[in-house]
Amino acid sequence: GYCSDMTRTVAVGYVTDEMEKVYNTVLQAQLAGLAATRAGVPGRDIDAASVCADGLIRWCQGSVYCDGHYKTFYGYINLENKEVIPCVYQTLIRYGYELFIAGITKCYGANPLKGIINKQNEVLVPFEYEIIEPWTTEKDFEENPIFVVRKNKNTSYKLINKANEAIFDESFECYKMISGKLWIKIAEKWIRYNLSLCKEKEYHVDNVHFINGLAYYDEEGALTS
């Protein structure tokens, strides 16, 4: 049968600002989920609705006939059921408070080309990337987010900011995000960066192995410190 759980939150004594913020964030998520619940809306779409402090809800139009094929499009509405971001994107994932990684497909069967938009639906990073993955830096990640990107049909990756400006001069052929470290592979080297994107060490590729989401490396084989 169907199983669920029920939670009650009670504050005893003093409530800190952080506790109140967390409580209200969860409350807004609950209210947004209730607002998204209506006749004809599949449970998976309600479950997929992402909510932030502004109460925006991701919604979709499924089985839309477009260019000779049926497609699903995503957008965002607010709690008053007013459209904030038009339902024109085939992938749409929120990153932080202001930014969204969106994807559009130019032809049937192709992978969506991804870009970055804001809440005003303004394009900050053009739709020219096959891969956009956020890398959360230690400071000001909302104001200065960093992304790992790769263009379509291009084997090299690079780091960019939300203005589509390159962070490093060099591109790299492979990367790993593990335990708060960013590893990038350039030629015969693995280079390890911390959360602030400060270089920590370089290793020869033979001295680093990635197994089950963990990095194993020989410190004696480090090329730099």
Protein backbone atom coordinates (compact mmCIF):
# COMPACT_ATOMS: atom_id res chain seq x y z
CA GLY A 1 0.00 0.00 0.00
CA TYR A 2 0.87 3.68 0.01
CA CYS A 3 3.21 4.87 2.75
CA SER A 4 3.88 8.42 3.86
CA ASP A 5 5.16 10.34 6.85
CA MET A 6 3.88 13.42 8.65
CA THR A 7 6.04 16.01 10.39
CA ARG A 8 5.19 18.65 12.99
CA THR A 9 7.64 21.42 13.93
CA VAL A 10 7.38 23.05 17.33
CA ALA A 11 9.72 25.73 18.69
CA VAL A 12 10.37 25.66 22.42
CA GLY A 13 11.85 28.89 23.72
CA TYR A 14 13.86 31.31 21.59
CA VAL A 15 13.70 31.10 17.79
CA THR A 16 16.80 32.29 15.94
CA ASP A 17 16.63 34.20 12.66
CA GLU A 18 18.09 31.19 10.85
CA MET A 19 15.45 28.85 12.33
CA GLU A 20 12.68 31.22 11.30
CA LYS A 21 14.13 31.49 7.80
CA VAL A 22 14.28 27.70 7.40
CA TYR A 23 10.75 27.28 8.74
CA ASN A 24 9.32 29.90 6.39
CA THR A 25 11.20 28.43 3.43
CA VAL A 26 9.65 25.01 4.07
CA LEU A 27 6.24 26.60 4.65
CA GLN A 28 6.42 28.43 1.32
CA ALA A 29 7.38 25.20 -0.40
CA GLN A 30 4.33 23.50 1.12
CA LEU A 31 2.00 26.33 0.11
CA ALA A 32 3.43 26.37 -3.39
CA GLY A 33 2.90 22.63 -3.68
CA LEU A 34 -0.71 23.06 -2.61
CA ALA A 35 -1.14 25.88 -5.13
CA ALA A 36 0.25 23.67 -7.89
CA THR A 37 -2.18 20.88 -7.03
CA ARG A 38 -5.24 20.93 -9.19
CA ALA A 39 -7.41 18.60 -11.24
CA GLY A 40 -5.57 17.18 -14.23
CA VAL A 41 -2.04 17.93 -12.96
CA PRO A 42 0.00 14.69 -12.67
CA GLY A 43 1.63 14.00 -9.33
CA ARG A 44 5.08 13.90 -10.96
CA ASP A 45 4.67 17.52 -12.09
CA ILE A 46 3.72 18.63 -8.60
CA ASP A 47 6.67 16.70 -7.20
CA ALA A 48 8.99 18.30 -9.77
CA ALA A 49 7.82 21.82 -8.93
CA SER A 50 10.79 23.74 -7.54
CA VAL A 51 10.16 26.57 -5.14
CA CYS A 52 12.32 29.38 -3.78
CA ALA A 53 11.58 32.27 -1.41
CA ASP A 54 9.66 34.09 -4.15
CA GLY A 55 7.16 31.22 -4.45
CA LEU A 56 7.88 30.44 -8.11
CA ILE A 57 6.64 27.05 -9.28
CA ARG A 58 7.97 25.13 -12.23
CA TRP A 59 5.19 23.89 -14.47
CA CYS A 60 5.00 22.15 -17.80
CA GLN A 61 2.84 21.77 -20.86
CA GLY A 62 3.04 18.13 -21.87
CA SER A 63 2.32 16.61 -25.27
CA VAL A 64 2.43 19.88 -27.20
CA TYR A 65 2.44 19.25 -30.96
CA CYS A 66 5.32 21.27 -32.39
CA ASP A 67 7.39 20.90 -35.58
CA GLY A 68 5.66 17.63 -36.40
CA HIS A 69 6.32 16.02 -33.00
CA TYR A 70 4.91 16.04 -29.46
CA LYS A 71 7.12 17.89 -26.98
CA THR A 72 7.07 18.95 -23.33
CA PHE A 73 7.83 22.55 -22.42
CA TYR A 74 8.64 24.11 -19.02
CA GLY A 75 8.18 27.53 -17.50
CA TYR A 76 7.56 29.15 -14.11
CA ILE A 77 4.41 30.60 -12.55
CA ASN A 78 3.88 32.37 -9.25
CA LEU A 79 1.42 31.53 -6.49
CA GLU A 80 -1.22 33.68 -8.20
CA ASN A 81 -0.95 31.39 -11.24
CA LYS A 82 0.61 34.18 -13.33
CA GLU A 83 3.31 33.31 -15.81
CA VAL A 84 6.76 34.58 -14.82
CA ILE A 85 8.92 32.64 -17.26
CA PRO A 86 7.13 31.52 -20.44
CA CYS A 87 6.60 27.81 -21.00
CA VAL A 88 8.96 27.53 -23.99
CA TYR A 89 11.95 25.56 -22.64
CA GLN A 90 12.47 21.81 -22.95
CA THR A 91 14.69 21.75 -19.87
CA LEU A 92 14.58 24.31 -17.07
CA ILE A 93 16.46 24.02 -13.76
CA ARG A 94 16.72 26.70 -11.14
CA TYR A 95 20.14 27.64 -9.78
CA GLY A 96 20.13 29.90 -6.75
CA TYR A 97 17.62 32.73 -6.49
CA GLU A 98 18.00 34.57 -9.80
CA LEU A 99 19.35 32.13 -12.38
CA PHE A 100 17.90 29.28 -14.45
CA ILE A 101 19.69 26.80 -16.69
CA ALA A 102 17.37 26.43 -19.67
CA GLY A 103 17.47 24.24 -22.76
CA ILE A 104 15.97 24.50 -26.23
CA THR A 105 15.99 21.99 -29.08
CA LYS A 106 16.34 23.22 -32.65
CA CYS A 107 15.52 19.91 -34.30
CA TYR A 108 13.73 16.71 -33.26
CA GLY A 109 15.91 14.08 -31.58
CA ALA A 110 18.79 16.43 -30.83
CA ASN A 111 19.98 17.17 -27.31
CA PRO A 112 18.83 20.57 -26.01
CA LEU A 113 21.29 23.43 -26.34
CA LYS A 114 21.57 25.07 -22.93
CA GLY A 115 21.92 28.65 -21.79
CA ILE A 116 21.33 30.70 -18.66
CA ILE A 117 18.42 33.09 -18.10
CA ASN A 118 17.27 35.21 -15.18
CA LYS A 119 13.83 35.70 -13.62
CA GLN A 120 13.05 38.37 -16.21
CA ASN A 121 13.64 35.75 -18.93
CA GLU A 122 16.68 37.68 -20.14
CA VAL A 123 19.39 35.52 -21.74
CA LEU A 124 22.67 35.91 -19.86
CA VAL A 125 24.53 32.97 -21.45
CA PRO A 126 23.50 32.14 -25.02
CA PHE A 127 22.00 28.78 -25.95
CA GLU A 128 25.16 27.24 -27.38
CA TYR A 129 26.24 24.67 -24.79
CA GLU A 130 25.64 20.95 -24.63
CA ILE A 131 26.62 20.86 -20.94
CA ILE A 132 26.23 23.49 -18.21
CA GLU A 133 26.98 22.33 -14.68
CA PRO A 134 27.18 24.75 -11.73
CA TRP A 135 30.29 24.85 -9.59
CA THR A 136 29.46 26.49 -6.25
CA THR A 137 32.35 28.62 -5.08
CA GLU A 138 32.98 29.43 -1.46
CA LYS A 139 32.20 33.16 -1.68
CA ASP A 140 29.32 35.04 -3.29
CA PHE A 141 28.00 32.08 -5.26
CA GLU A 142 24.70 33.93 -5.79
CA GLU A 143 26.43 37.05 -7.15
CA ASN A 144 29.32 35.32 -8.89
CA PRO A 145 28.34 31.76 -9.82
CA ILE A 146 30.74 29.63 -11.83
CA PHE A 147 29.74 26.99 -14.38
CA VAL A 148 31.52 24.17 -16.18
CA VAL A 149 30.42 24.22 -19.82
CA ARG A 150 31.05 22.38 -23.05
CA LYS A 151 29.84 23.47 -26.44
CA ASN A 152 27.91 21.09 -28.62
CA LYS A 153 30.19 18.79 -30.66
CA ASN A 154 33.22 20.12 -28.81
CA THR A 155 35.38 17.88 -26.67
CA SER A 156 36.83 20.66 -24.49
CA TYR A 157 35.35 22.12 -21.32
CA LYS A 158 35.83 25.56 -19.80
CA LEU A 159 34.78 27.55 -16.74
CA ILE A 160 32.59 30.61 -17.24
CA ASN A 161 30.71 33.14 -15.11
CA LYS A 162 27.11 34.26 -15.62
CA ALA A 163 28.27 36.82 -18.19
CA ASN A 164 29.71 33.98 -20.33
CA GLU A 165 33.27 35.13 -19.59
CA ALA A 166 36.00 32.50 -19.28
CA ILE A 167 37.51 32.06 -15.80
CA PHE A 168 40.63 30.22 -16.97
CA ASP A 169 42.58 30.84 -20.16
CA GLU A 170 42.95 27.12 -20.81
CA SER A 171 40.19 24.69 -21.68
CA PHE A 172 40.30 21.13 -20.32
CA GLU A 173 39.36 17.72 -21.61
CA CYS A 174 37.78 16.22 -18.47
CA TYR A 175 36.72 17.21 -14.97
CA LYS A 176 35.51 15.76 -11.66
CA MET A 177 33.65 17.42 -8.78
CA ILE A 178 34.43 15.46 -5.63
CA SER A 179 34.17 16.41 -1.95
CA GLY A 180 34.37 20.15 -2.50
CA LYS A 181 37.27 19.85 -4.94
CA LEU A 182 37.30 20.52 -8.66
CA TRP A 183 39.66 18.32 -10.64
CA ILE A 184 40.44 19.26 -14.24
CA LYS A 185 42.54 17.27 -16.69
CA ILE A 186 44.90 19.11 -19.04
CA ALA A 187 47.25 16.99 -21.15
CA GLU A 188 48.98 14.55 -18.77
CA LYS A 189 48.06 16.37 -15.57
CA TRP A 190 45.16 16.37 -13.10
CA ILE A 191 44.92 19.77 -11.38
CA ARG A 192 43.04 20.07 -8.07
CA TYR A 193 41.23 23.28 -7.04
CA ASN A 194 39.44 24.13 -3.82
CA LEU A 195 35.99 25.73 -3.44
CA SER A 196 37.44 29.19 -4.05
CA LEU A 197 39.04 27.92 -7.29
CA CYS A 198 42.54 28.31 -5.89
CA LYS A 199 44.94 25.74 -7.31
CA GLU A 200 46.11 23.27 -4.67
CA LYS A 201 48.24 20.69 -6.46
CA GLU A 202 49.03 19.09 -9.78
CA TYR A 203 49.46 15.36 -10.35
CA HIS A 204 50.52 13.19 -13.22
CA VAL A 205 47.52 11.29 -14.56
CA ASP A 206 49.05 7.96 -13.51
CA ASN A 207 49.01 9.07 -9.86
CA VAL A 208 45.28 9.86 -9.60
CA HIS A 209 42.38 7.41 -9.74
CA PHE A 210 38.65 8.08 -9.37
CA ILE A 211 36.62 5.18 -7.98
CA ASN A 212 32.99 5.24 -6.83
CA GLY A 213 32.88 9.00 -6.45
CA LEU A 214 36.18 9.25 -4.53
CA ALA A 215 39.60 10.51 -5.58
CA TYR A 216 42.68 8.42 -4.75
CA TYR A 217 46.04 10.06 -5.32
CA ASP A 218 49.68 9.69 -4.38
CA GLU A 219 50.90 12.81 -2.57
CA GLU A 220 54.47 11.84 -3.31
CA GLY A 221 53.57 12.00 -6.97
CA ALA A 222 52.37 15.61 -6.75
CA LEU A 223 54.05 17.86 -9.31
CA THR A 224 53.45 21.11 -7.40
CA SER A 225 52.32 22.19 -3.95
